[in-house]
C-alpha atoms as a PDB file:
ATOM      1  CA  UNK A   1     -82.574  -5.878  61.634  1.00  0.00           C
ATOM      2  CA  UNK A   2     -83.377  -7.524  58.195  1.00  0.00           C
ATOM      3  CA  UNK A   3     -84.555  -4.348  56.505  1.00  0.00           C
ATOM      4  CA  UNK A   4     -80.773  -2.622  57.749  1.00  0.00           C
ATOM      5  CA  UNK A   5     -78.937  -5.503  56.038  1.00  0.00           C
ATOM      6  CA  UNK A   6     -80.982  -5.357  52.799  1.00  0.00           C
ATOM      7  CA  UNK A   7     -80.558  -1.622  52.550  1.00  0.00           C
ATOM      8  CA  UNK A   8     -76.747  -1.841  53.165  1.00  0.00           C
ATOM      9  CA  UNK A   9     -76.348  -4.702  50.534  1.00  0.00           C
ATOM     10  CA  UNK A  10     -78.280  -2.532  48.091  1.00  0.00           C
ATOM     11  CA  UNK A  11     -76.194   0.534  48.851  1.00  0.00           C
ATOM     12  CA  UNK A  12     -72.693  -1.716  48.241  1.00  0.00           C
ATOM     13  CA  UNK A  13     -74.356  -3.002  45.006  1.00  0.00           C
ATOM     14  CA  UNK A  14     -75.019   0.654  43.729  1.00  0.00           C
ATOM     15  CA  UNK A  15     -71.615   1.758  44.671  1.00  0.00           C
ATOM     16  CA  UNK A  16     -69.913  -0.980  42.910  1.00  0.00           C
ATOM     17  CA  UNK A  17     -72.070  -0.635  39.692  1.00  0.00           C
ATOM     18  CA  UNK A  18     -71.171   3.274  39.739  1.00  0.00           C
ATOM     19  CA  UNK A  19     -67.589   2.597  39.945  1.00  0.00           C
ATOM     20  CA  UNK A  20     -67.542   0.034  37.338  1.00  0.00           C
ATOM     21  CA  UNK A  21     -69.079   2.074  34.896  1.00  0.00           C
ATOM     22  CA  UNK A  22     -66.993   5.312  35.657  1.00  0.00           C
ATOM     23  CA  UNK A  23     -64.916   6.093  32.395  1.00  0.00           C
ATOM     24  CA  UNK A  24     -61.075   5.340  32.711  1.00  0.00           C
ATOM     25  CA  UNK A  25     -59.062   8.398  33.133  1.00  0.00           C
ATOM     26  CA  UNK A  26     -55.443   8.683  31.451  1.00  0.00           C
ATOM     27  CA  UNK A  27     -52.634   9.422  33.476  1.00  0.00           C
ATOM     28  CA  UNK A  28     -50.283  11.430  31.360  1.00  0.00           C
ATOM     29  CA  UNK A  29     -47.186  13.417  32.406  1.00  0.00           C
ATOM     30  CA  UNK A  30     -46.761  17.178  31.395  1.00  0.00           C
ATOM     31  CA  UNK A  31     -44.628  17.902  28.409  1.00  0.00           C
ATOM     32  CA  UNK A  32     -40.882  17.977  28.566  1.00  0.00           C
ATOM     33  CA  UNK A  33     -39.719  21.540  28.450  1.00  0.00           C
ATOM     34  CA  UNK A  34     -36.114  22.481  26.872  1.00  0.00           C
ATOM     35  CA  UNK A  35     -34.804  23.008  30.503  1.00  0.00           C
ATOM     36  CA  UNK A  36     -35.683  19.555  31.415  1.00  0.00           C
ATOM     37  CA  UNK A  37     -33.423  18.308  28.902  1.00  0.00           C
ATOM     38  CA  UNK A  38     -30.322  18.323  31.206  1.00  0.00           C
ATOM     39  CA  UNK A  39     -26.732  17.578  29.836  1.00  0.00           C
ATOM     40  CA  UNK A  40     -24.985  14.310  30.338  1.00  0.00           C
ATOM     41  CA  UNK A  41     -21.518  15.979  31.405  1.00  0.00           C
ATOM     42  CA  UNK A  42     -20.433  19.383  32.207  1.00  0.00           C
ATOM     43  CA  UNK A  43     -16.646  20.023  32.536  1.00  0.00           C
ATOM     44  CA  UNK A  44     -14.737  23.186  33.329  1.00  0.00           C
ATOM     45  CA  UNK A  45     -11.221  24.296  32.502  1.00  0.00           C
ATOM     46  CA  UNK A  46     -11.103  22.038  29.633  1.00  0.00           C
ATOM     47  CA  UNK A  47      -7.994  21.340  27.850  1.00  0.00           C
ATOM     48  CA  UNK A  48      -8.178  18.133  25.849  1.00  0.00           C
ATOM     49  CA  UNK A  49      -7.391  16.331  22.559  1.00  0.00           C
ATOM     50  CA  UNK A  50     -10.092  15.015  20.519  1.00  0.00           C
ATOM     51  CA  UNK A  51      -9.474  12.100  17.933  1.00  0.00           C
ATOM     52  CA  UNK A  52     -11.579  10.527  15.415  1.00  0.00           C
ATOM     53  CA  UNK A  53     -10.994   6.849  14.425  1.00  0.00           C
ATOM     54  CA  UNK A  54      -7.782   6.804  16.436  1.00  0.00           C
ATOM     55  CA  UNK A  55      -6.544   9.811  14.811  1.00  0.00           C
ATOM     56  CA  UNK A  56      -5.950  13.081  16.796  1.00  0.00           C
ATOM     57  CA  UNK A  57      -7.996  15.789  15.080  1.00  0.00           C
ATOM     58  CA  UNK A  58      -7.732  18.879  17.467  1.00  0.00           C
ATOM     59  CA  UNK A  59      -7.344  20.385  20.958  1.00  0.00           C
ATOM     60  CA  UNK A  60      -9.983  22.185  22.857  1.00  0.00           C
ATOM     61  CA  UNK A  61      -9.424  24.925  25.209  1.00  0.00           C
ATOM     62  CA  UNK A  62     -12.730  26.088  26.815  1.00  0.00           C
ATOM     63  CA  UNK A  63     -13.690  27.653  30.295  1.00  0.00           C
ATOM     64  CA  UNK A  64     -16.835  25.377  30.020  1.00  0.00           C
ATOM     65  CA  UNK A  65     -17.690  22.255  28.096  1.00  0.00           C
ATOM     66  CA  UNK A  66     -21.363  20.882  28.105  1.00  0.00           C
ATOM     67  CA  UNK A  67     -22.391  17.654  26.580  1.00  0.00           C
ATOM     68  CA  UNK A  68     -26.190  17.071  25.728  1.00  0.00           C
ATOM     69  CA  UNK A  69     -27.415  14.244  23.945  1.00  0.00           C
ATOM     70  CA  UNK A  70     -30.900  14.843  25.171  1.00  0.00           C
ATOM     71  CA  UNK A  71     -31.572  17.667  23.266  1.00  0.00           C
ATOM     72  CA  UNK A  72     -32.567  17.565  19.374  1.00  0.00           C
ATOM     73  CA  UNK A  73     -30.163  17.555  17.824  1.00  0.00           C
ATOM     74  CA  UNK A  74     -27.515  16.249  20.189  1.00  0.00           C
ATOM     75  CA  UNK A  75     -24.963  18.928  20.907  1.00  0.00           C
ATOM     76  CA  UNK A  76     -21.764  19.902  22.687  1.00  0.00           C
ATOM     77  CA  UNK A  77     -21.727  23.496  24.082  1.00  0.00           C
ATOM     78  CA  UNK A  78     -19.209  25.892  24.580  1.00  0.00           C
ATOM     79  CA  UNK A  79     -21.125  29.230  26.016  1.00  0.00           C
ATOM     80  CA  UNK A  80     -17.923  30.767  27.723  1.00  0.00           C
ATOM     81  CA  UNK A  81     -15.416  30.750  24.534  1.00  0.00           C
ATOM     82  CA  UNK A  82     -13.562  28.265  22.809  1.00  0.00           C
ATOM     83  CA  UNK A  83     -10.094  28.100  21.637  1.00  0.00           C
ATOM     84  CA  UNK A  84      -9.115  25.113  18.921  1.00  0.00           C
ATOM     85  CA  UNK A  85      -6.173  23.917  17.319  1.00  0.00           C
ATOM     86  CA  UNK A  86      -6.409  21.590  14.346  1.00  0.00           C
ATOM     87  CA  UNK A  87      -3.885  19.065  13.471  1.00  0.00           C
ATOM     88  CA  UNK A  88      -2.820  17.380  10.365  1.00  0.00           C
ATOM     89  CA  UNK A  89      -1.965  13.564  10.120  1.00  0.00           C
ATOM     90  CA  UNK A  90       1.500  14.433  11.388  1.00  0.00           C
ATOM     91  CA  UNK A  91       0.238  16.288  14.416  1.00  0.00           C
ATOM     92  CA  UNK A  92       1.420  19.580  13.248  1.00  0.00           C
ATOM     93  CA  UNK A  93      -0.875  22.781  13.828  1.00  0.00           C
ATOM     94  CA  UNK A  94      -2.985  23.509  10.563  1.00  0.00           C
ATOM     95  CA  UNK A  95      -4.971  26.021  11.883  1.00  0.00           C
ATOM     96  CA  UNK A  96      -6.158  27.997  14.959  1.00  0.00           C
ATOM     97  CA  UNK A  97      -9.784  28.938  15.527  1.00  0.00           C
ATOM     98  CA  UNK A  98     -11.346  31.076  18.320  1.00  0.00           C
ATOM     99  CA  UNK A  99     -14.768  32.290  19.167  1.00  0.00           C
ATOM    100  CA  UNK A 100     -17.095  33.496  21.961  1.00  0.00           C
ATOM    101  CA  UNK A 101     -19.639  30.672  21.563  1.00  0.00           C
ATOM    102  CA  UNK A 102     -19.642  27.424  19.904  1.00  0.00           C
ATOM    103  CA  UNK A 103     -21.941  24.477  19.219  1.00  0.00           C
ATOM    104  CA  UNK A 104     -20.853  21.216  17.846  1.00  0.00           C
ATOM    105  CA  UNK A 105     -23.652  18.905  16.486  1.00  0.00           C
ATOM    106  CA  UNK A 106     -21.979  15.543  16.861  1.00  0.00           C
ATOM    107  CA  UNK A 107     -24.474  13.434  14.968  1.00  0.00           C
ATOM    108  CA  UNK A 108     -23.876  15.859  11.862  1.00  0.00           C
ATOM    109  CA  UNK A 109     -20.606  16.531  12.714  1.00  0.00           C
ATOM    110  CA  UNK A 110     -21.038  20.252  12.124  1.00  0.00           C
ATOM    111  CA  UNK A 111     -19.558  23.322  14.025  1.00  0.00           C
ATOM    112  CA  UNK A 112     -21.441  26.385  14.536  1.00  0.00           C
ATOM    113  CA  UNK A 113     -19.490  29.368  15.798  1.00  0.00           C
ATOM    114  CA  UNK A 114     -20.431  32.836  16.872  1.00  0.00           C
ATOM    115  CA  UNK A 115     -19.058  35.847  18.336  1.00  0.00           C
ATOM    116  CA  UNK A 116     -15.604  37.251  17.024  1.00  0.00           C
ATOM    117  CA  UNK A 117     -14.757  34.219  15.091  1.00  0.00           C
ATOM    118  CA  UNK A 118     -11.033  34.226  14.221  1.00  0.00           C
ATOM    119  CA  UNK A 119      -9.056  31.995  12.196  1.00  0.00           C
ATOM    120  CA  UNK A 120      -5.212  31.945  11.473  1.00  0.00           C
ATOM    121  CA  UNK A 121      -3.920  28.944   9.144  1.00  0.00           C
ATOM    122  CA  UNK A 122      -0.332  27.925   9.118  1.00  0.00           C
ATOM    123  CA  UNK A 123       0.080  29.587   5.572  1.00  0.00           C
ATOM    124  CA  UNK A 124      -0.968  33.006   7.033  1.00  0.00           C
ATOM    125  CA  UNK A 125      -4.374  32.917   6.028  1.00  0.00           C
ATOM    126  CA  UNK A 126      -6.590  35.068   8.357  1.00  0.00           C
ATOM    127  CA  UNK A 127     -10.352  35.162   8.868  1.00  0.00           C
ATOM    128  CA  UNK A 128     -12.681  37.067  11.135  1.00  0.00           C
ATOM    129  CA  UNK A 129     -16.554  37.628  11.040  1.00  0.00           C
ATOM    130  CA  UNK A 130     -19.320  37.191  13.707  1.00  0.00           C
ATOM    131  CA  UNK A 131     -20.666  33.630  12.519  1.00  0.00           C
ATOM    132  CA  UNK A 132     -19.017  30.742  10.766  1.00  0.00           C
ATOM    133  CA  UNK A 133     -20.355  27.021  10.231  1.00  0.00           C
ATOM    134  CA  UNK A 134     -17.585  24.118   9.828  1.00  0.00           C
ATOM    135  CA  UNK A 135     -19.257  20.845   8.007  1.00  0.00           C
ATOM    136  CA  UNK A 136     -16.631  18.079   8.649  1.00  0.00           C
ATOM    137  CA  UNK A 137     -18.625  15.713   6.283  1.00  0.00           C
ATOM    138  CA  UNK A 138     -18.162  18.044   3.354  1.00  0.00           C
ATOM    139  CA  UNK A 139     -14.731  19.556   4.579  1.00  0.00           C
ATOM    140  CA  UNK A 140     -15.916  23.152   4.169  1.00  0.00           C
ATOM    141  CA  UNK A 141     -16.465  26.101   5.999  1.00  0.00           C
ATOM    142  CA  UNK A 142     -18.866  29.077   5.207  1.00  0.00           C
ATOM    143  CA  UNK A 143     -20.513  32.136   6.765  1.00  0.00           C
ATOM    144  CA  UNK A 144     -23.427  34.310   5.558  1.00  0.00           C
ATOM    145  CA  UNK A 145     -22.478  37.403   7.669  1.00  0.00           C
ATOM    146  CA  UNK A 146     -20.056  40.069   6.932  1.00  0.00           C
ATOM    147  CA  UNK A 147     -16.513  38.683   6.722  1.00  0.00           C
ATOM    148  CA  UNK A 148     -13.155  39.671   6.240  1.00  0.00           C
ATOM    149  CA  UNK A 149     -10.305  37.425   4.738  1.00  0.00           C
ATOM    150  CA  UNK A 150      -6.807  38.174   4.461  1.00  0.00           C
ATOM    151  CA  UNK A 151      -4.070  36.554   2.687  1.00  0.00           C
ATOM    152  CA  UNK A 152      -0.618  37.416   2.454  1.00  0.00           C
ATOM    153  CA  UNK A 153      -1.135  39.490  -0.419  1.00  0.00           C
ATOM    154  CA  UNK A 154      -4.936  40.343  -0.538  1.00  0.00           C
ATOM    155  CA  UNK A 155      -7.676  41.500   1.489  1.00  0.00           C
ATOM    156  CA  UNK A 156     -11.468  40.316   0.632  1.00  0.00           C
ATOM    157  CA  UNK A 157     -14.442  41.699   2.245  1.00  0.00           C
ATOM    158  CA  UNK A 158     -18.207  40.496   1.726  1.00  0.00           C
ATOM    159  CA  UNK A 159     -21.335  39.294   3.183  1.00  0.00           C
ATOM    160  CA  UNK A 160     -21.208  35.442   2.079  1.00  0.00           C
ATOM    161  CA  UNK A 161     -17.915  33.451   2.520  1.00  0.00           C
ATOM    162  CA  UNK A 162     -17.259  29.916   1.601  1.00  0.00           C
ATOM    163  CA  UNK A 163     -14.133  27.667   1.364  1.00  0.00           C
ATOM    164  CA  UNK A 164     -12.617  24.534   1.762  1.00  0.00           C
ATOM    165  CA  UNK A 165     -11.758  23.525   5.602  1.00  0.00           C
ATOM    166  CA  UNK A 166      -7.927  24.013   4.561  1.00  0.00           C
ATOM    167  CA  UNK A 167      -8.668  27.651   3.177  1.00  0.00           C
ATOM    168  CA  UNK A 168      -6.931  26.954  -0.147  1.00  0.00           C
ATOM    169  CA  UNK A 169      -9.962  27.175  -2.361  1.00  0.00           C
ATOM    170  CA  UNK A 170     -12.157  30.197  -1.404  1.00  0.00           C
ATOM    171  CA  UNK A 171     -14.917  32.718  -2.642  1.00  0.00           C
ATOM    172  CA  UNK A 172     -16.272  35.772  -1.172  1.00  0.00           C
ATOM    173  CA  UNK A 173     -19.539  37.060  -2.905  1.00  0.00           C
ATOM    174  CA  UNK A 174     -21.195  40.410  -2.260  1.00  0.00           C
ATOM    175  CA  UNK A 175     -17.560  41.862  -1.897  1.00  0.00           C
ATOM    176  CA  UNK A 176     -16.627  45.407  -1.065  1.00  0.00           C
ATOM    177  CA  UNK A 177     -13.066  45.401  -2.375  1.00  0.00           C
ATOM    178  CA  UNK A 178      -9.752  43.489  -2.643  1.00  0.00           C
ATOM    179  CA  UNK A 179      -6.226  44.479  -3.086  1.00  0.00           C
ATOM    180  CA  UNK A 180      -2.881  43.075  -3.192  1.00  0.00           C
ATOM    181  CA  UNK A 181      -0.680  44.371  -0.374  1.00  0.00           C
ATOM    182  CA  UNK A 182       2.240  45.198  -2.362  1.00  0.00           C
ATOM    183  CA  UNK A 183       0.129  47.642  -4.355  1.00  0.00           C
ATOM    184  CA  UNK A 184      -0.260  50.076  -1.375  1.00  0.00           C
ATOM    185  CA  UNK A 185       3.020  51.668  -2.097  1.00  0.00           C
ATOM    186  CA  UNK A 186       2.204  52.218  -5.799  1.00  0.00           C
ATOM    187  CA  UNK A 187       1.104  55.032  -7.356  1.00  0.00           C
ATOM    188  CA  UNK A 188      -2.604  55.122  -8.518  1.00  0.00           C
ATOM    189  CA  UNK A 189      -1.604  54.858 -12.330  1.00  0.00           C
ATOM    190  CA  UNK A 190       0.543  52.004 -11.421  1.00  0.00           C
ATOM    191  CA  UNK A 191      -2.329  50.069  -9.769  1.00  0.00           C
ATOM    192  CA  UNK A 192      -4.791  50.717 -12.521  1.00  0.00           C
ATOM    193  CA  UNK A 193      -4.293  47.578 -14.368  1.00  0.00           C
ATOM    194  CA  UNK A 194      -4.562  45.081 -11.240  1.00  0.00           C
ATOM    195  CA  UNK A 195      -7.267  47.239  -9.573  1.00  0.00           C
ATOM    196  CA  UNK A 196      -9.561  46.715 -12.716  1.00  0.00           C
ATOM    197  CA  UNK A 197      -8.721  42.834 -12.617  1.00  0.00           C
ATOM    198  CA  UNK A 198      -9.883  42.915  -8.949  1.00  0.00           C
ATOM    199  CA  UNK A 199     -12.798  45.171  -9.847  1.00  0.00           C
ATOM    200  CA  UNK A 200     -14.214  42.213 -11.826  1.00  0.00           C
ATOM    201  CA  UNK A 201     -13.986  39.962  -8.714  1.00  0.00           C
ATOM    202  CA  UNK A 202     -15.715  42.616  -6.941  1.00  0.00           C
ATOM    203  CA  UNK A 203     -18.704  42.517  -9.377  1.00  0.00           C
ATOM    204  CA  UNK A 204     -17.834  46.182 -10.894  1.00  0.00           C
ATOM    205  CA  UNK A 205     -17.569  47.800  -7.856  1.00  0.00           C
ATOM    206  CA  UNK A 206     -14.913  51.144  -7.930  1.00  0.00           C
ATOM    207  CA  UNK A 207     -11.678  50.006  -6.463  1.00  0.00           C
ATOM    208  CA  UNK A 208     -10.372  52.016  -3.493  1.00  0.00           C
ATOM    209  CA  UNK A 209      -7.069  52.339  -1.590  1.00  0.00           C
ATOM    210  CA  UNK A 210      -7.412  50.626   1.868  1.00  0.00           C
ATOM    211  CA  UNK A 211      -5.816  51.832   5.011  1.00  0.00           C
ATOM    212  CA  UNK A 212      -2.750  49.867   6.256  1.00  0.00           C
ATOM    213  CA  UNK A 213      -4.016  49.761   9.782  1.00  0.00           C
ATOM    214  CA  UNK A 214      -6.857  47.029   8.463  1.00  0.00           C
ATOM    215  CA  UNK A 215      -4.285  44.605   7.049  1.00  0.00           C
ATOM    216  CA  UNK A 216      -3.758  42.506  10.025  1.00  0.00           C
ATOM    217  CA  UNK A 217      -6.215  40.685  12.636  1.00  0.00           C
ATOM    218  CA  UNK A 218      -5.292  40.275  16.315  1.00  0.00           C
ATOM    219  CA  UNK A 219      -5.627  36.533  17.382  1.00  0.00           C
ATOM    220  CA  UNK A 220      -5.206  35.850  21.046  1.00  0.00           C
ATOM    221  CA  UNK A 221      -5.145  32.481  22.831  1.00  0.00           C
ATOM    222  CA  UNK A 222      -7.119  32.164  25.934  1.00  0.00           C
ATOM    223  CA  UNK A 223      -5.170  32.027  28.926  1.00  0.00           C
END
């Protein structure tokens, strides 16, 4: 009996010593995947006004609006298309913007637009491309993809576009050509002096006579 108690005590002491000497294990969770960063809000059938410092800046119309501050960088996502009206200080519409997909990085105040990007300003200026960035802090818009830019008198095409957000000061580089709309009805000899000036803007490329059917851009508003 005494030997049994001594054996049990020795066995318990050995177990306690083994547990006490065992190395500690760190309990860590698996890495967070992008799909784990769930949005804070998802809204459908959106038609709302957006203000900044108490001033209404624009109206957003979208089928789906996702706000996700958990991703880096924080962003709004419009993956079902976006229609946007931009207002001036008197709440008059300055421009319409439309695209297939849009991201707004709220901390950087940067818009990123993709797929059939269209802009129509109150002055009749029109822009179309497959990509556009709008930097609200710098008050400028730009694109590094092939773009068409139309004014009431001129068409410009190029691989790089940059402008102020009101589209009053703009530049198109790697341009394919430009023209005055009124020059279409003139003879080549009458167009010579103007086309020579336009060719300098197009970096020396040969001027050409565009087709009338390319002088407008359809801009439709989502239902």
